[in-house]
C-alpha atoms as a PDB file:
ATOM      1  CA  UNK A   1      95.738  77.910 158.592  1.00  0.00           C
ATOM      2  CA  UNK A   2      99.316  76.880 157.547  1.00  0.00           C
ATOM      3  CA  UNK A   3     102.193  75.802 159.803  1.00  0.00           C
ATOM      4  CA  UNK A   4     106.115  76.308 158.904  1.00  0.00           C
ATOM      5  CA  UNK A   5     108.494  74.079 160.782  1.00  0.00           C
ATOM      6  CA  UNK A   6     111.801  76.002 161.104  1.00  0.00           C
ATOM      7  CA  UNK A   7     114.882  73.862 161.709  1.00  0.00           C
ATOM      8  CA  UNK A   8     118.812  74.838 161.540  1.00  0.00           C
ATOM      9  CA  UNK A   9     119.324  72.521 158.591  1.00  0.00           C
ATOM     10  CA  UNK A  10     116.663  73.681 156.398  1.00  0.00           C
ATOM     11  CA  UNK A  11     113.598  75.445 155.489  1.00  0.00           C
ATOM     12  CA  UNK A  12     111.017  73.329 153.822  1.00  0.00           C
ATOM     13  CA  UNK A  13     107.724  74.584 152.618  1.00  0.00           C
ATOM     14  CA  UNK A  14     105.173  72.982 150.457  1.00  0.00           C
ATOM     15  CA  UNK A  15     104.222  74.573 147.073  1.00  0.00           C
ATOM     16  CA  UNK A  16     101.113  76.995 147.834  1.00  0.00           C
ATOM     17  CA  UNK A  17      98.376  78.109 145.148  1.00  0.00           C
ATOM     18  CA  UNK A  18      97.710  81.229 147.868  1.00  0.00           C
ATOM     19  CA  UNK A  19      99.134  82.294 150.858  1.00  0.00           C
ATOM     20  CA  UNK A  20      97.111  81.520 153.905  1.00  0.00           C
ATOM     21  CA  UNK A  21      96.051  84.799 155.822  1.00  0.00           C
ATOM     22  CA  UNK A  22      97.295  83.001 159.041  1.00  0.00           C
ATOM     23  CA  UNK A  23     100.385  80.980 159.698  1.00  0.00           C
ATOM     24  CA  UNK A  24     101.703  79.134 162.633  1.00  0.00           C
ATOM     25  CA  UNK A  25     105.423  78.651 162.851  1.00  0.00           C
ATOM     26  CA  UNK A  26     107.358  76.333 165.216  1.00  0.00           C
ATOM     27  CA  UNK A  27     110.472  75.972 166.837  1.00  0.00           C
ATOM     28  CA  UNK A  28     112.243  74.355 169.610  1.00  0.00           C
ATOM     29  CA  UNK A  29     113.405  76.019 172.696  1.00  0.00           C
ATOM     30  CA  UNK A  30     115.173  75.312 175.976  1.00  0.00           C
ATOM     31  CA  UNK A  31     113.591  76.603 179.204  1.00  0.00           C
ATOM     32  CA  UNK A  32     114.068  75.955 182.802  1.00  0.00           C
ATOM     33  CA  UNK A  33     111.580  73.347 182.534  1.00  0.00           C
ATOM     34  CA  UNK A  34     113.559  71.519 179.922  1.00  0.00           C
ATOM     35  CA  UNK A  35     113.042  71.195 176.137  1.00  0.00           C
ATOM     36  CA  UNK A  36     109.732  73.106 174.809  1.00  0.00           C
ATOM     37  CA  UNK A  37     108.032  73.732 171.565  1.00  0.00           C
ATOM     38  CA  UNK A  38     107.367  77.438 170.559  1.00  0.00           C
ATOM     39  CA  UNK A  39     104.491  78.174 168.203  1.00  0.00           C
ATOM     40  CA  UNK A  40     104.271  81.596 166.805  1.00  0.00           C
ATOM     41  CA  UNK A  41     101.218  82.924 164.788  1.00  0.00           C
ATOM     42  CA  UNK A  42     101.543  85.836 162.208  1.00  0.00           C
ATOM     43  CA  UNK A  43      98.977  87.330 159.894  1.00  0.00           C
ATOM     44  CA  UNK A  44     100.416  87.404 156.157  1.00  0.00           C
ATOM     45  CA  UNK A  45      98.548  90.158 154.922  1.00  0.00           C
ATOM     46  CA  UNK A  46      99.311  92.632 157.648  1.00  0.00           C
ATOM     47  CA  UNK A  47     102.788  91.223 158.702  1.00  0.00           C
ATOM     48  CA  UNK A  48     101.613  91.486 162.148  1.00  0.00           C
ATOM     49  CA  UNK A  49     102.734  89.165 164.861  1.00  0.00           C
ATOM     50  CA  UNK A  50      99.408  87.651 166.729  1.00  0.00           C
ATOM     51  CA  UNK A  51     100.386  85.623 169.424  1.00  0.00           C
ATOM     52  CA  UNK A  52     102.725  82.530 170.707  1.00  0.00           C
ATOM     53  CA  UNK A  53     102.109  79.249 172.651  1.00  0.00           C
ATOM     54  CA  UNK A  54     104.590  76.915 174.436  1.00  0.00           C
ATOM     55  CA  UNK A  55     103.734  73.663 174.912  1.00  0.00           C
ATOM     56  CA  UNK A  56     105.258  70.058 175.103  1.00  0.00           C
ATOM     57  CA  UNK A  57     104.127  66.324 175.312  1.00  0.00           C
ATOM     58  CA  UNK A  58     104.365  65.252 179.395  1.00  0.00           C
ATOM     59  CA  UNK A  59     103.483  61.778 180.992  1.00  0.00           C
ATOM     60  CA  UNK A  60     100.939  62.319 183.762  1.00  0.00           C
ATOM     61  CA  UNK A  61     101.994  60.862 187.204  1.00  0.00           C
ATOM     62  CA  UNK A  62      99.718  58.802 189.630  1.00  0.00           C
ATOM     63  CA  UNK A  63      98.601  61.928 191.510  1.00  0.00           C
ATOM     64  CA  UNK A  64      98.216  64.145 188.381  1.00  0.00           C
ATOM     65  CA  UNK A  65      95.478  66.801 188.568  1.00  0.00           C
ATOM     66  CA  UNK A  66      95.139  66.511 184.788  1.00  0.00           C
ATOM     67  CA  UNK A  67      93.400  63.476 183.783  1.00  0.00           C
ATOM     68  CA  UNK A  68      93.153  62.012 187.414  1.00  0.00           C
ATOM     69  CA  UNK A  69      91.461  58.703 186.177  1.00  0.00           C
ATOM     70  CA  UNK A  70      94.163  57.908 183.616  1.00  0.00           C
ATOM     71  CA  UNK A  71      97.502  57.004 185.449  1.00  0.00           C
ATOM     72  CA  UNK A  72     100.594  57.509 183.233  1.00  0.00           C
ATOM     73  CA  UNK A  73      98.861  58.908 180.196  1.00  0.00           C
ATOM     74  CA  UNK A  74     100.634  61.037 177.713  1.00  0.00           C
ATOM     75  CA  UNK A  75      99.043  64.542 177.140  1.00  0.00           C
ATOM     76  CA  UNK A  76     100.098  67.766 175.610  1.00  0.00           C
ATOM     77  CA  UNK A  77     100.553  70.620 178.336  1.00  0.00           C
ATOM     78  CA  UNK A  78     100.291  74.076 177.074  1.00  0.00           C
ATOM     79  CA  UNK A  79     102.507  75.881 179.309  1.00  0.00           C
ATOM     80  CA  UNK A  80     102.026  79.395 177.831  1.00  0.00           C
ATOM     81  CA  UNK A  81      99.317  80.598 175.666  1.00  0.00           C
ATOM     82  CA  UNK A  82      99.200  84.404 174.753  1.00  0.00           C
ATOM     83  CA  UNK A  83      97.586  86.408 171.974  1.00  0.00           C
ATOM     84  CA  UNK A  84      98.020  90.073 171.428  1.00  0.00           C
ATOM     85  CA  UNK A  85      94.447  90.730 170.693  1.00  0.00           C
ATOM     86  CA  UNK A  86      91.078  89.200 171.695  1.00  0.00           C
ATOM     87  CA  UNK A  87      88.059  88.512 170.126  1.00  0.00           C
ATOM     88  CA  UNK A  88      89.332  87.447 166.681  1.00  0.00           C
ATOM     89  CA  UNK A  89      89.363  83.827 167.318  1.00  0.00           C
ATOM     90  CA  UNK A  90      93.342  83.441 167.615  1.00  0.00           C
ATOM     91  CA  UNK A  91      92.971  81.716 171.067  1.00  0.00           C
ATOM     92  CA  UNK A  92      90.745  79.209 169.303  1.00  0.00           C
ATOM     93  CA  UNK A  93      92.802  78.607 166.398  1.00  0.00           C
ATOM     94  CA  UNK A  94      96.001  78.116 168.749  1.00  0.00           C
ATOM     95  CA  UNK A  95      93.518  75.411 170.880  1.00  0.00           C
ATOM     96  CA  UNK A  96      92.400  73.612 167.898  1.00  0.00           C
ATOM     97  CA  UNK A  97      96.111  73.379 166.438  1.00  0.00           C
ATOM     98  CA  UNK A  98      97.296  72.049 169.966  1.00  0.00           C
ATOM     99  CA  UNK A  99      94.750  69.340 169.260  1.00  0.00           C
ATOM    100  CA  UNK A 100      96.206  68.185 166.148  1.00  0.00           C
ATOM    101  CA  UNK A 101      99.829  68.492 167.834  1.00  0.00           C
ATOM    102  CA  UNK A 102      98.555  66.482 170.543  1.00  0.00           C
ATOM    103  CA  UNK A 103      97.711  63.645 168.188  1.00  0.00           C
ATOM    104  CA  UNK A 104     100.869  64.020 166.253  1.00  0.00           C
ATOM    105  CA  UNK A 105     102.774  63.310 169.648  1.00  0.00           C
ATOM    106  CA  UNK A 106     100.953  60.334 170.589  1.00  0.00           C
ATOM    107  CA  UNK A 107      99.130  62.089 173.124  1.00  0.00           C
ATOM    108  CA  UNK A 108      95.714  61.015 171.877  1.00  0.00           C
ATOM    109  CA  UNK A 109      94.106  64.567 171.667  1.00  0.00           C
ATOM    110  CA  UNK A 110      94.536  65.200 175.336  1.00  0.00           C
ATOM    111  CA  UNK A 111      95.550  68.639 176.315  1.00  0.00           C
ATOM    112  CA  UNK A 112      96.327  70.220 179.678  1.00  0.00           C
ATOM    113  CA  UNK A 113      97.367  73.722 181.083  1.00  0.00           C
ATOM    114  CA  UNK A 114      97.207  75.805 184.228  1.00  0.00           C
ATOM    115  CA  UNK A 115      94.687  78.386 183.850  1.00  0.00           C
ATOM    116  CA  UNK A 116      96.247  81.714 185.245  1.00  0.00           C
ATOM    117  CA  UNK A 117      95.720  85.460 185.424  1.00  0.00           C
ATOM    118  CA  UNK A 118      99.504  85.917 185.497  1.00  0.00           C
ATOM    119  CA  UNK A 119      99.725  87.369 182.061  1.00  0.00           C
ATOM    120  CA  UNK A 120      96.526  89.014 181.916  1.00  0.00           C
ATOM    121  CA  UNK A 121      95.298  90.070 185.519  1.00  0.00           C
ATOM    122  CA  UNK A 122      92.344  92.073 183.981  1.00  0.00           C
ATOM    123  CA  UNK A 123      90.970  89.308 182.098  1.00  0.00           C
ATOM    124  CA  UNK A 124      91.732  85.784 183.169  1.00  0.00           C
ATOM    125  CA  UNK A 125      91.483  82.899 180.465  1.00  0.00           C
ATOM    126  CA  UNK A 126      89.722  80.656 182.894  1.00  0.00           C
ATOM    127  CA  UNK A 127      86.232  81.405 181.224  1.00  0.00           C
ATOM    128  CA  UNK A 128      87.734  81.083 177.890  1.00  0.00           C
ATOM    129  CA  UNK A 129      89.277  77.764 178.335  1.00  0.00           C
ATOM    130  CA  UNK A 130      86.048  76.423 179.927  1.00  0.00           C
ATOM    131  CA  UNK A 131      84.167  77.502 176.610  1.00  0.00           C
ATOM    132  CA  UNK A 132      86.539  75.582 174.661  1.00  0.00           C
ATOM    133  CA  UNK A 133      85.830  72.438 176.747  1.00  0.00           C
ATOM    134  CA  UNK A 134      88.261  72.237 179.301  1.00  0.00           C
ATOM    135  CA  UNK A 135      87.436  71.062 182.903  1.00  0.00           C
ATOM    136  CA  UNK A 136      89.269  70.681 186.117  1.00  0.00           C
ATOM    137  CA  UNK A 137      88.787  68.236 189.177  1.00  0.00           C
ATOM    138  CA  UNK A 138      88.024  71.088 191.372  1.00  0.00           C
ATOM    139  CA  UNK A 139      84.273  70.751 190.143  1.00  0.00           C
ATOM    140  CA  UNK A 140      83.018  73.896 192.229  1.00  0.00           C
ATOM    141  CA  UNK A 141      85.225  76.009 190.058  1.00  0.00           C
ATOM    142  CA  UNK A 142      83.706  74.589 186.846  1.00  0.00           C
ATOM    143  CA  UNK A 143      80.391  74.998 188.225  1.00  0.00           C
ATOM    144  CA  UNK A 144      81.110  78.646 189.117  1.00  0.00           C
ATOM    145  CA  UNK A 145      82.777  79.284 185.746  1.00  0.00           C
ATOM    146  CA  UNK A 146      79.619  77.609 183.750  1.00  0.00           C
ATOM    147  CA  UNK A 147      77.386  80.173 185.917  1.00  0.00           C
ATOM    148  CA  UNK A 148      79.524  83.366 184.780  1.00  0.00           C
ATOM    149  CA  UNK A 149      79.473  82.174 181.258  1.00  0.00           C
ATOM    150  CA  UNK A 150      75.675  81.519 181.278  1.00  0.00           C
ATOM    151  CA  UNK A 151      74.987  84.996 183.111  1.00  0.00           C
ATOM    152  CA  UNK A 152      77.541  86.942 180.952  1.00  0.00           C
ATOM    153  CA  UNK A 153      79.554  87.999 184.222  1.00  0.00           C
ATOM    154  CA  UNK A 154      83.256  88.507 184.888  1.00  0.00           C
ATOM    155  CA  UNK A 155      84.781  86.140 187.338  1.00  0.00           C
ATOM    156  CA  UNK A 156      85.729  87.365 190.851  1.00  0.00           C
ATOM    157  CA  UNK A 157      89.403  88.183 191.330  1.00  0.00           C
ATOM    158  CA  UNK A 158      89.361  85.647 194.227  1.00  0.00           C
ATOM    159  CA  UNK A 159      88.147  82.888 191.788  1.00  0.00           C
ATOM    160  CA  UNK A 160      90.906  83.309 189.283  1.00  0.00           C
ATOM    161  CA  UNK A 161      94.004  81.929 190.576  1.00  0.00           C
ATOM    162  CA  UNK A 162      95.790  79.347 189.049  1.00  0.00           C
ATOM    163  CA  UNK A 163      93.595  76.361 188.206  1.00  0.00           C
ATOM    164  CA  UNK A 164      94.808  73.102 186.471  1.00  0.00           C
ATOM    165  CA  UNK A 165      92.474  72.352 183.513  1.00  0.00           C
ATOM    166  CA  UNK A 166      92.463  69.516 180.962  1.00  0.00           C
ATOM    167  CA  UNK A 167      90.396  68.680 177.655  1.00  0.00           C
ATOM    168  CA  UNK A 168      88.292  65.551 178.464  1.00  0.00           C
ATOM    169  CA  UNK A 169      88.397  62.994 175.563  1.00  0.00           C
ATOM    170  CA  UNK A 170      85.074  61.618 174.848  1.00  0.00           C
ATOM    171  CA  UNK A 171      86.209  57.903 174.369  1.00  0.00           C
ATOM    172  CA  UNK A 172      87.946  58.096 177.853  1.00  0.00           C
ATOM    173  CA  UNK A 173      84.628  59.426 179.479  1.00  0.00           C
ATOM    174  CA  UNK A 174      82.762  56.260 178.066  1.00  0.00           C
ATOM    175  CA  UNK A 175      85.638  54.033 179.712  1.00  0.00           C
ATOM    176  CA  UNK A 176      85.253  56.151 182.869  1.00  0.00           C
ATOM    177  CA  UNK A 177      81.655  55.475 183.221  1.00  0.00           C
ATOM    178  CA  UNK A 178      81.866  51.572 182.304  1.00  0.00           C
ATOM    179  CA  UNK A 179      84.615  51.534 185.132  1.00  0.00           C
ATOM    180  CA  UNK A 180      81.918  53.511 187.464  1.00  0.00           C
ATOM    181  CA  UNK A 181      79.364  50.981 186.629  1.00  0.00           C
ATOM    182  CA  UNK A 182      81.679  48.090 187.249  1.00  0.00           C
ATOM    183  CA  UNK A 183      82.758  49.455 190.793  1.00  0.00           C
ATOM    184  CA  UNK A 184      79.214  50.092 191.741  1.00  0.00           C
ATOM    185  CA  UNK A 185      78.378  46.568 190.656  1.00  0.00           C
ATOM    186  CA  UNK A 186      81.092  45.077 192.765  1.00  0.00           C
ATOM    187  CA  UNK A 187      79.556  47.162 195.807  1.00  0.00           C
END
């Protein structure tokens, strides 16, 4: 996969020996939530548009549902992720790309999003995000999703409303365990 960065001043592309099959292009856009980075994915062999992702770096507040133990940390928030065809790994490629962008923007690999059935009511993305390693502070929902994945069943319509999810970072999980041990020791 290859990324093109479009700017109003110039188009810079590295010299390629061969053209990759998938490209992700990037542009800045203004939205009601402020400046946002738009990423589009296209197939160079077929010329087909594959999907898009809107994301931006954000700073988590004190009472954030994302990274609840890390006050004031930066994370890369995926505001919208849509692919035209499922089952080809395009969503996974967007998530992998977002992890790299998170590092680039100083977010240390942290990703967060709001899993919603808004764009596809028949196939909500909650199970996909869970398979990608996302979790939530709402542990009952996560347990339910894990059971659905294990048993290969669809999630109930009532269980798939908007759910804040985040991608845990292994290093931070070790710090959390150390903090909990220290807290228990003090008790």
